Amino acid sequence: MDDYLMETAVSDDMQEYLIFSVDTIDFGIDIGLVQEIIEIQPVSKIPNALPFCSGIINIRGTIVPVLDMRIKLGFPPREYDDRACIIVIMLESELVGAIVDSVQDVIHISAQELSDSPAVSGDHLNYTTKIACVDDKIRQILNVPAVFGIDDEA
């Protein structure tokens, strides 16, 4: 029985993250926010949209705004290849698509493997909340409210 309690405590300490790449950086997002991962598809442009907003797509009758994570995170734009995809995320009852260079895996990360993201100087928002070092690889955990412009006070 004690072994079961120890295993349960260890598993309660773990959280699942979807790992994806933008440029040469591996990022993670809480898997609980991810609705699905879909292939790149044609995006309908929106007049006067912000530069990082690629446009909108129709997913089974639902119109979903799509953000280019390369531009949103400050990397230069590039042509999408066959590894690029759209991560569909549920944010406060709304779907949002995030175009990423590639999706890697879903991994378990324990609280002990996470450390606070270093402070960023200047006027830039800190788009990562935590840094994970798992299997000798650094993964930056996205600060979802900052990246997607959600006011978490609301």
N, C-alpha and C. Protein backbone atom coordinates (compact mmCIF):
# COMPACT_ATOMS: atom_id res chain seq x y z
N MET A 1 0.82 -1.19 0.00
CA MET A 1 0.00 0.00 0.00
C MET A 1 0.86 1.26 0.00
N ASP A 2 1.95 1.25 0.79
CA ASP A 2 2.84 2.41 0.83
C ASP A 2 3.47 2.66 -0.54
N ASP A 3 3.83 1.58 -1.26
CA ASP A 3 4.38 1.74 -2.60
C ASP A 3 3.39 2.43 -3.52
N TYR A 4 2.11 2.05 -3.40
CA TYR A 4 1.07 2.67 -4.23
C TYR A 4 0.97 4.16 -3.93
N LEU A 5 1.00 4.52 -2.64
CA LEU A 5 0.92 5.94 -2.26
C LEU A 5 2.12 6.71 -2.77
N MET A 6 3.30 6.11 -2.72
CA MET A 6 4.51 6.77 -3.23
C MET A 6 4.41 6.99 -4.74
N GLU A 7 3.95 5.97 -5.47
CA GLU A 7 3.81 6.09 -6.92
C GLU A 7 2.77 7.15 -7.27
N THR A 8 1.66 7.20 -6.53
CA THR A 8 0.62 8.19 -6.77
C THR A 8 1.16 9.59 -6.51
N ALA A 9 1.92 9.77 -5.44
CA ALA A 9 2.49 11.08 -5.11
C ALA A 9 3.45 11.52 -6.21
N VAL A 10 4.25 10.59 -6.72
CA VAL A 10 5.18 10.93 -7.80
C VAL A 10 4.41 11.30 -9.06
N SER A 11 3.37 10.54 -9.41
CA SER A 11 2.63 10.83 -10.63
C SER A 11 1.83 12.11 -10.50
N ASP A 12 1.36 12.46 -9.27
CA ASP A 12 0.65 13.72 -9.07
C ASP A 12 1.56 14.90 -9.29
N ASP A 13 2.86 14.70 -9.09
CA ASP A 13 3.85 15.74 -9.24
C ASP A 13 4.20 15.99 -10.71
N MET A 14 3.82 15.07 -11.58
CA MET A 14 4.15 15.14 -13.01
C MET A 14 3.06 15.90 -13.76
N GLN A 15 3.48 16.61 -14.79
CA GLN A 15 2.52 17.27 -15.66
C GLN A 15 2.93 16.97 -17.10
N GLU A 16 1.93 16.86 -17.98
CA GLU A 16 2.20 16.56 -19.38
C GLU A 16 2.26 17.83 -20.20
N TYR A 17 3.25 17.89 -21.08
CA TYR A 17 3.44 19.04 -21.97
C TYR A 17 3.62 18.55 -23.40
N LEU A 18 3.00 19.27 -24.33
CA LEU A 18 3.26 19.05 -25.75
C LEU A 18 4.50 19.85 -26.09
N ILE A 19 5.50 19.19 -26.64
CA ILE A 19 6.75 19.85 -27.01
C ILE A 19 6.73 20.13 -28.50
N PHE A 20 7.01 21.37 -28.87
CA PHE A 20 7.07 21.77 -30.28
C PHE A 20 8.25 22.70 -30.49
N SER A 21 8.64 22.86 -31.75
CA SER A 21 9.79 23.71 -32.08
C SER A 21 9.36 24.91 -32.88
N VAL A 22 10.00 26.03 -32.57
CA VAL A 22 9.90 27.25 -33.36
C VAL A 22 11.34 27.72 -33.52
N ASP A 23 11.76 27.86 -34.77
CA ASP A 23 13.16 28.14 -35.08
C ASP A 23 13.98 26.97 -34.50
N THR A 24 14.93 27.24 -33.64
CA THR A 24 15.75 26.16 -33.08
C THR A 24 15.44 25.90 -31.62
N ILE A 25 14.32 26.45 -31.13
CA ILE A 25 13.99 26.37 -29.71
C ILE A 25 12.83 25.41 -29.50
N ASP A 26 12.96 24.56 -28.47
CA ASP A 26 11.88 23.67 -28.07
C ASP A 26 11.04 24.35 -27.00
N PHE A 27 9.74 24.40 -27.25
CA PHE A 27 8.80 24.98 -26.31
C PHE A 27 7.85 23.90 -25.82
N GLY A 28 7.23 24.15 -24.67
CA GLY A 28 6.22 23.23 -24.15
C GLY A 28 4.97 23.99 -23.80
N ILE A 29 3.84 23.33 -23.96
CA ILE A 29 2.55 23.89 -23.56
C ILE A 29 1.78 22.79 -22.84
N ASP A 30 1.08 23.18 -21.81
CA ASP A 30 0.28 22.22 -21.02
C ASP A 30 -0.64 21.46 -21.97
N ILE A 31 -0.56 20.15 -21.95
CA ILE A 31 -1.33 19.31 -22.87
C ILE A 31 -2.83 19.50 -22.65
N GLY A 32 -3.23 19.92 -21.48
CA GLY A 32 -4.64 20.14 -21.20
C GLY A 32 -5.26 21.25 -22.04
N LEU A 33 -4.43 22.14 -22.57
CA LEU A 33 -4.92 23.23 -23.42
C LEU A 33 -5.07 22.82 -24.88
N VAL A 34 -4.38 21.74 -25.26
CA VAL A 34 -4.32 21.33 -26.67
C VAL A 34 -5.57 20.53 -27.04
N GLN A 35 -6.28 21.00 -28.06
CA GLN A 35 -7.46 20.30 -28.55
C GLN A 35 -7.11 19.29 -29.63
N GLU A 36 -6.24 19.72 -30.55
CA GLU A 36 -5.81 18.83 -31.63
C GLU A 36 -4.62 19.45 -32.35
N ILE A 37 -4.00 18.65 -33.17
CA ILE A 37 -2.89 19.09 -34.02
C ILE A 37 -3.29 18.75 -35.44
N ILE A 38 -3.25 19.76 -36.33
CA ILE A 38 -3.69 19.54 -37.70
C ILE A 38 -2.59 19.98 -38.68
N GLU A 39 -2.70 19.48 -39.90
CA GLU A 39 -1.76 19.86 -40.95
C GLU A 39 -1.94 21.33 -41.30
N ILE A 40 -0.87 21.91 -41.81
CA ILE A 40 -0.96 23.27 -42.35
C ILE A 40 -2.00 23.25 -43.45
N GLN A 41 -2.82 24.28 -43.48
CA GLN A 41 -3.84 24.39 -44.51
C GLN A 41 -3.95 25.85 -44.93
N PRO A 42 -4.60 26.11 -46.06
CA PRO A 42 -4.74 27.50 -46.48
C PRO A 42 -5.47 28.32 -45.42
N VAL A 43 -4.96 29.51 -45.18
CA VAL A 43 -5.49 30.42 -44.18
C VAL A 43 -6.09 31.62 -44.90
N SER A 44 -7.31 31.99 -44.54
CA SER A 44 -7.95 33.18 -45.12
C SER A 44 -7.44 34.41 -44.38
N LYS A 45 -6.90 35.34 -45.13
CA LYS A 45 -6.34 36.56 -44.55
C LYS A 45 -7.45 37.43 -43.97
N ILE A 46 -7.09 38.23 -42.97
CA ILE A 46 -8.00 39.19 -42.36
C ILE A 46 -7.42 40.58 -42.61
N PRO A 47 -8.21 41.49 -43.17
CA PRO A 47 -7.71 42.86 -43.40
C PRO A 47 -7.29 43.52 -42.08
N ASN A 48 -6.20 44.25 -42.11
CA ASN A 48 -5.69 45.02 -40.97
C ASN A 48 -5.37 44.16 -39.74
N ALA A 49 -5.08 42.89 -39.94
CA ALA A 49 -4.73 42.01 -38.82
C ALA A 49 -3.32 42.34 -38.32
N LEU A 50 -3.06 42.01 -37.09
CA LEU A 50 -1.71 42.17 -36.54
C LEU A 50 -0.76 41.29 -37.34
N PRO A 51 0.52 41.67 -37.42
CA PRO A 51 1.47 40.92 -38.26
C PRO A 51 1.57 39.43 -37.95
N PHE A 52 1.43 39.04 -36.70
CA PHE A 52 1.55 37.63 -36.32
C PHE A 52 0.27 36.84 -36.54
N CYS A 53 -0.83 37.51 -36.88
CA CYS A 53 -2.09 36.81 -37.14
C CYS A 53 -2.13 36.44 -38.62
N SER A 54 -1.99 35.15 -38.89
CA SER A 54 -1.97 34.67 -40.28
C SER A 54 -3.33 34.77 -40.94
N GLY A 55 -4.39 34.69 -40.13
CA GLY A 55 -5.75 34.74 -40.66
C GLY A 55 -6.65 33.80 -39.90
N ILE A 56 -7.62 33.22 -40.62
CA ILE A 56 -8.58 32.31 -40.00
C ILE A 56 -8.72 31.04 -40.83
N ILE A 57 -9.11 29.97 -40.14
CA ILE A 57 -9.41 28.71 -40.80
C ILE A 57 -10.76 28.21 -40.29
N ASN A 58 -11.34 27.26 -41.02
CA ASN A 58 -12.60 26.66 -40.63
C ASN A 58 -12.31 25.22 -40.20
N ILE A 59 -12.58 24.93 -38.93
CA ILE A 59 -12.40 23.57 -38.42
C ILE A 59 -13.78 23.03 -38.07
N ARG A 60 -14.27 22.15 -38.94
CA ARG A 60 -15.58 21.53 -38.74
C ARG A 60 -16.67 22.54 -38.37
N GLY A 61 -16.70 23.65 -39.10
CA GLY A 61 -17.74 24.66 -38.92
C GLY A 61 -17.41 25.74 -37.90
N THR A 62 -16.27 25.65 -37.24
CA THR A 62 -15.86 26.67 -36.28
C THR A 62 -14.74 27.51 -36.89
N ILE A 63 -14.92 28.83 -36.88
CA ILE A 63 -13.89 29.74 -37.39
C ILE A 63 -12.84 29.93 -36.29
N VAL A 64 -11.59 29.69 -36.65
CA VAL A 64 -10.49 29.71 -35.69
C VAL A 64 -9.41 30.68 -36.18
N PRO A 65 -9.05 31.70 -35.36
CA PRO A 65 -7.92 32.55 -35.72
C PRO A 65 -6.62 31.76 -35.62
N VAL A 66 -5.68 32.07 -36.50
CA VAL A 66 -4.41 31.35 -36.53
C VAL A 66 -3.26 32.33 -36.38
N LEU A 67 -2.37 32.06 -35.42
CA LEU A 67 -1.20 32.89 -35.17
C LEU A 67 0.04 32.18 -35.67
N ASP A 68 0.94 32.93 -36.28
CA ASP A 68 2.23 32.39 -36.70
C ASP A 68 3.18 32.57 -35.52
N MET A 69 3.53 31.47 -34.87
CA MET A 69 4.36 31.55 -33.66
C MET A 69 5.77 32.06 -33.95
N ARG A 70 6.26 31.87 -35.17
CA ARG A 70 7.58 32.41 -35.51
C ARG A 70 7.56 33.93 -35.35
N ILE A 71 6.56 34.56 -35.93
CA ILE A 71 6.47 36.02 -35.87
C ILE A 71 6.12 36.48 -34.46
N LYS A 72 5.17 35.81 -33.82
CA LYS A 72 4.74 36.19 -32.47
C LYS A 72 5.91 36.13 -31.49
N LEU A 73 6.78 35.14 -31.63
CA LEU A 73 7.91 34.98 -30.72
C LEU A 73 9.17 35.73 -31.16
N GLY A 74 9.06 36.51 -32.25
CA GLY A 74 10.17 37.36 -32.66
C GLY A 74 11.17 36.74 -33.61
N PHE A 75 10.82 35.62 -34.25
CA PHE A 75 11.71 35.00 -35.23
C PHE A 75 11.32 35.44 -36.63
N PRO A 76 12.24 35.38 -37.57
CA PRO A 76 11.87 35.77 -38.95
C PRO A 76 10.90 34.77 -39.57
N PRO A 77 9.99 35.26 -40.40
CA PRO A 77 9.07 34.34 -41.07
C PRO A 77 9.82 33.44 -42.05
N ARG A 78 9.21 32.32 -42.37
CA ARG A 78 9.78 31.44 -43.39
C ARG A 78 8.65 30.63 -44.01
N GLU A 79 8.95 30.01 -45.12
CA GLU A 79 7.96 29.16 -45.78
C GLU A 79 7.73 27.92 -44.92
N TYR A 80 6.48 27.48 -44.86
CA TYR A 80 6.16 26.29 -44.10
C TYR A 80 6.58 25.07 -44.89
N ASP A 81 7.14 24.08 -44.18
CA ASP A 81 7.49 22.82 -44.84
C ASP A 81 6.53 21.74 -44.37
N ASP A 82 6.80 20.49 -44.72
CA ASP A 82 5.88 19.40 -44.40
C ASP A 82 5.87 19.04 -42.91
N ARG A 83 6.79 19.57 -42.13
CA ARG A 83 6.80 19.32 -40.68
C ARG A 83 5.98 20.36 -39.91
N ALA A 84 5.74 21.51 -40.54
CA ALA A 84 4.97 22.57 -39.88
C ALA A 84 3.53 22.10 -39.68
N CYS A 85 2.91 22.56 -38.61
CA CYS A 85 1.52 22.18 -38.34
C CYS A 85 0.86 23.26 -37.49
N ILE A 86 -0.43 23.07 -37.26
CA ILE A 86 -1.20 24.00 -36.46
C ILE A 86 -1.63 23.28 -35.19
N ILE A 87 -1.25 23.84 -34.05
CA ILE A 87 -1.71 23.33 -32.76
C ILE A 87 -2.96 24.12 -32.41
N VAL A 88 -4.08 23.43 -32.25
CA VAL A 88 -5.33 24.08 -31.90
C VAL A 88 -5.46 24.04 -30.38
N ILE A 89 -5.57 25.23 -29.79
CA ILE A 89 -5.54 25.40 -28.34
C ILE A 89 -6.87 25.99 -27.88
N MET A 90 -7.38 25.51 -26.75
CA MET A 90 -8.58 26.08 -26.15
C MET A 90 -8.16 27.12 -25.12
N LEU A 91 -8.57 28.37 -25.37
CA LEU A 91 -8.26 29.47 -24.46
C LEU A 91 -9.55 30.14 -24.04
N GLU A 92 -9.88 29.99 -22.77
CA GLU A 92 -11.09 30.62 -22.23
C GLU A 92 -12.30 30.41 -23.13
N SER A 93 -12.58 29.19 -23.48
CA SER A 93 -13.72 28.73 -24.30
C SER A 93 -13.63 29.16 -25.77
N GLU A 94 -12.49 29.64 -26.21
CA GLU A 94 -12.27 29.99 -27.62
C GLU A 94 -11.12 29.16 -28.17
N LEU A 95 -11.26 28.73 -29.42
CA LEU A 95 -10.17 28.01 -30.08
C LEU A 95 -9.24 29.00 -30.77
N VAL A 96 -7.94 28.72 -30.69
CA VAL A 96 -6.92 29.51 -31.38
C VAL A 96 -5.94 28.52 -31.99
N GLY A 97 -5.52 28.78 -33.23
CA GLY A 97 -4.52 27.95 -33.87
C GLY A 97 -3.15 28.61 -33.77
N ALA A 98 -2.13 27.81 -33.55
CA ALA A 98 -0.75 28.29 -33.47
C ALA A 98 0.08 27.50 -34.47
N ILE A 99 0.60 28.21 -35.48
CA ILE A 99 1.46 27.55 -36.47
C ILE A 99 2.87 27.43 -35.87
N VAL A 100 3.38 26.19 -35.84
CA VAL A 100 4.71 25.92 -35.31
C VAL A 100 5.53 25.19 -36.38
N ASP A 101 6.84 25.21 -36.21
CA ASP A 101 7.72 24.56 -37.19
C ASP A 101 7.58 23.04 -37.16
N SER A 102 7.42 22.48 -35.97
CA SER A 102 7.23 21.04 -35.85
C SER A 102 6.75 20.69 -34.45
N VAL A 103 6.08 19.56 -34.34
CA VAL A 103 5.68 19.03 -33.04
C VAL A 103 6.59 17.86 -32.75
N GLN A 104 7.12 17.82 -31.52
CA GLN A 104 8.09 16.79 -31.15
C GLN A 104 7.44 15.60 -30.47
N ASP A 105 6.79 15.87 -29.32
CA ASP A 105 6.36 14.77 -28.47
C ASP A 105 5.50 15.31 -27.34
N VAL A 106 4.89 14.41 -26.58
CA VAL A 106 4.27 14.75 -25.31
C VAL A 106 5.15 14.13 -24.24
N ILE A 107 5.59 14.96 -23.30
CA ILE A 107 6.47 14.45 -22.25
C ILE A 107 5.91 14.79 -20.88
N HIS A 108 6.33 13.99 -19.90
CA HIS A 108 6.00 14.25 -18.50
C HIS A 108 7.15 15.04 -17.90
N ILE A 109 6.81 16.10 -17.19
CA ILE A 109 7.84 16.91 -16.52
C ILE A 109 7.42 17.05 -15.06
N SER A 110 8.35 16.74 -14.17
CA SER A 110 8.06 16.88 -12.74
C SER A 110 8.37 18.30 -12.28
N ALA A 111 7.81 18.67 -11.17
CA ALA A 111 8.05 20.00 -10.61
C ALA A 111 9.54 20.23 -10.34
N GLN A 112 10.27 19.16 -9.99
CA GLN A 112 11.70 19.29 -9.71
C GLN A 112 12.50 19.61 -10.97
N GLU A 113 11.96 19.26 -12.14
CA GLU A 113 12.67 19.52 -13.40
C GLU A 113 12.39 20.92 -13.95
N LEU A 114 11.52 21.67 -13.27
CA LEU A 114 11.16 23.01 -13.72
C LEU A 114 11.84 24.06 -12.86
N SER A 115 12.33 25.10 -13.52
CA SER A 115 12.85 26.25 -12.79
C SER A 115 12.25 27.50 -13.41
N ASP A 116 12.27 28.59 -12.64
CA ASP A 116 11.69 29.83 -13.15
C ASP A 116 12.47 30.32 -14.36
N SER A 117 11.72 30.90 -15.28
CA SER A 117 12.35 31.47 -16.47
C SER A 117 13.11 32.72 -16.06
N PRO A 118 14.28 32.95 -16.62
CA PRO A 118 15.04 34.15 -16.25
C PRO A 118 14.27 35.41 -16.64
N ALA A 119 14.46 36.46 -15.87
CA ALA A 119 13.79 37.73 -16.14
C ALA A 119 14.30 38.31 -17.45
N VAL A 120 13.39 38.93 -18.17
CA VAL A 120 13.74 39.55 -19.44
C VAL A 120 13.81 41.06 -19.21
N SER A 121 14.88 41.68 -19.68
CA SER A 121 15.00 43.12 -19.50
C SER A 121 14.30 43.84 -20.64
N GLY A 122 14.01 45.09 -20.42
CA GLY A 122 13.37 45.90 -21.46
C GLY A 122 11.86 45.83 -21.36
N ASP A 123 11.20 46.24 -22.44
CA ASP A 123 9.75 46.32 -22.47
C ASP A 123 9.08 45.05 -22.97
N HIS A 124 9.84 44.00 -23.25
CA HIS A 124 9.28 42.78 -23.82
C HIS A 124 8.57 41.95 -22.75
N LEU A 125 7.47 41.34 -23.15
CA LEU A 125 6.78 40.42 -22.26
C LEU A 125 7.59 39.14 -22.15
N ASN A 126 7.52 38.51 -21.01
CA ASN A 126 8.20 37.24 -20.84
C ASN A 126 7.26 36.14 -21.33
N TYR A 127 7.56 35.57 -22.48
CA TYR A 127 6.69 34.57 -23.08
C TYR A 127 6.89 33.17 -22.52
N THR A 128 7.84 32.99 -21.63
CA THR A 128 8.01 31.69 -20.97
C THR A 128 7.89 31.87 -19.46
N THR A 129 7.28 30.89 -18.80
CA THR A 129 7.13 30.94 -17.35
C THR A 129 8.15 30.07 -16.65
N LYS A 130 8.45 28.93 -17.25
CA LYS A 130 9.36 27.97 -16.64
C LYS A 130 10.32 27.43 -17.69
N ILE A 131 11.42 26.91 -17.21
CA ILE A 131 12.40 26.23 -18.05
C ILE A 131 12.52 24.80 -17.53
N ALA A 132 12.45 23.84 -18.43
CA ALA A 132 12.60 22.43 -18.04
C ALA A 132 13.85 21.88 -18.71
N CYS A 133 14.61 21.14 -17.94
CA CYS A 133 15.76 20.43 -18.50
C CYS A 133 15.47 18.94 -18.34
N VAL A 134 15.10 18.32 -19.45
CA VAL A 134 14.71 16.91 -19.45
C VAL A 134 15.53 16.21 -20.53
N ASP A 135 16.15 15.11 -20.17
CA ASP A 135 16.99 14.35 -21.11
C ASP A 135 18.06 15.23 -21.75
N ASP A 136 18.66 16.08 -20.95
CA ASP A 136 19.72 17.00 -21.39
C ASP A 136 19.28 17.98 -22.47
N LYS A 137 17.97 18.23 -22.56
CA LYS A 137 17.45 19.21 -23.50
C LYS A 137 16.68 20.26 -22.73
N ILE A 138 16.83 21.51 -23.15
CA ILE A 138 16.11 22.61 -22.51
C ILE A 138 14.81 22.83 -23.27
N ARG A 139 13.71 22.88 -22.51
CA ARG A 139 12.39 23.18 -23.07
C ARG A 139 11.85 24.39 -22.33
N GLN A 140 11.39 25.38 -23.07
CA GLN A 140 10.82 26.57 -22.47
C GLN A 140 9.30 26.42 -22.42
N ILE A 141 8.73 26.52 -21.23
CA ILE A 141 7.29 26.35 -21.06
C ILE A 141 6.61 27.70 -21.32
N LEU A 142 5.67 27.70 -22.27
CA LEU A 142 5.03 28.94 -22.67
C LEU A 142 4.18 29.55 -21.57
N ASN A 143 4.26 30.87 -21.49
CA ASN A 143 3.38 31.67 -20.65
C ASN A 143 2.16 31.98 -21.53
N VAL A 144 1.18 31.10 -21.50
CA VAL A 144 0.04 31.18 -22.41
C VAL A 144 -0.69 32.52 -22.34
N PRO A 145 -0.99 33.06 -21.15
CA PRO A 145 -1.66 34.36 -21.11
C PRO A 145 -0.86 35.47 -21.81
N ALA A 146 0.46 35.47 -21.64
CA ALA A 146 1.28 36.51 -22.27
C ALA A 146 1.36 36.33 -23.78
N VAL A 147 1.56 35.08 -24.23
CA VAL A 147 1.70 34.83 -25.66
C VAL A 147 0.41 35.12 -26.42
N PHE A 148 -0.72 34.70 -25.84
CA PHE A 148 -1.98 34.84 -26.56
C PHE A 148 -2.80 36.05 -26.11
N GLY A 149 -2.20 36.91 -25.28
CA GLY A 149 -2.84 38.17 -24.91
C GLY A 149 -4.06 38.01 -24.04
N ILE A 150 -4.04 37.03 -23.14
CA ILE A 150 -5.18 36.82 -22.24
C ILE A 150 -4.90 37.58 -20.94
N ASP A 151 -5.89 38.32 -20.51
CA ASP A 151 -5.79 39.03 -19.23
C ASP A 151 -6.18 38.06 -18.15
N ASP A 152 -5.21 37.52 -17.38
CA ASP A 152 -5.57 36.54 -16.39
C ASP A 152 -6.18 37.15 -15.14
N GLU A 153 -6.37 38.44 -15.11
CA GLU A 153 -7.09 39.09 -14.02
C GLU A 153 -8.59 38.96 -14.22
N ALA A 154 -9.02 38.75 -15.47
CA ALA A 154 -10.44 38.75 -15.78
C ALA A 154 -11.15 37.52 -15.26
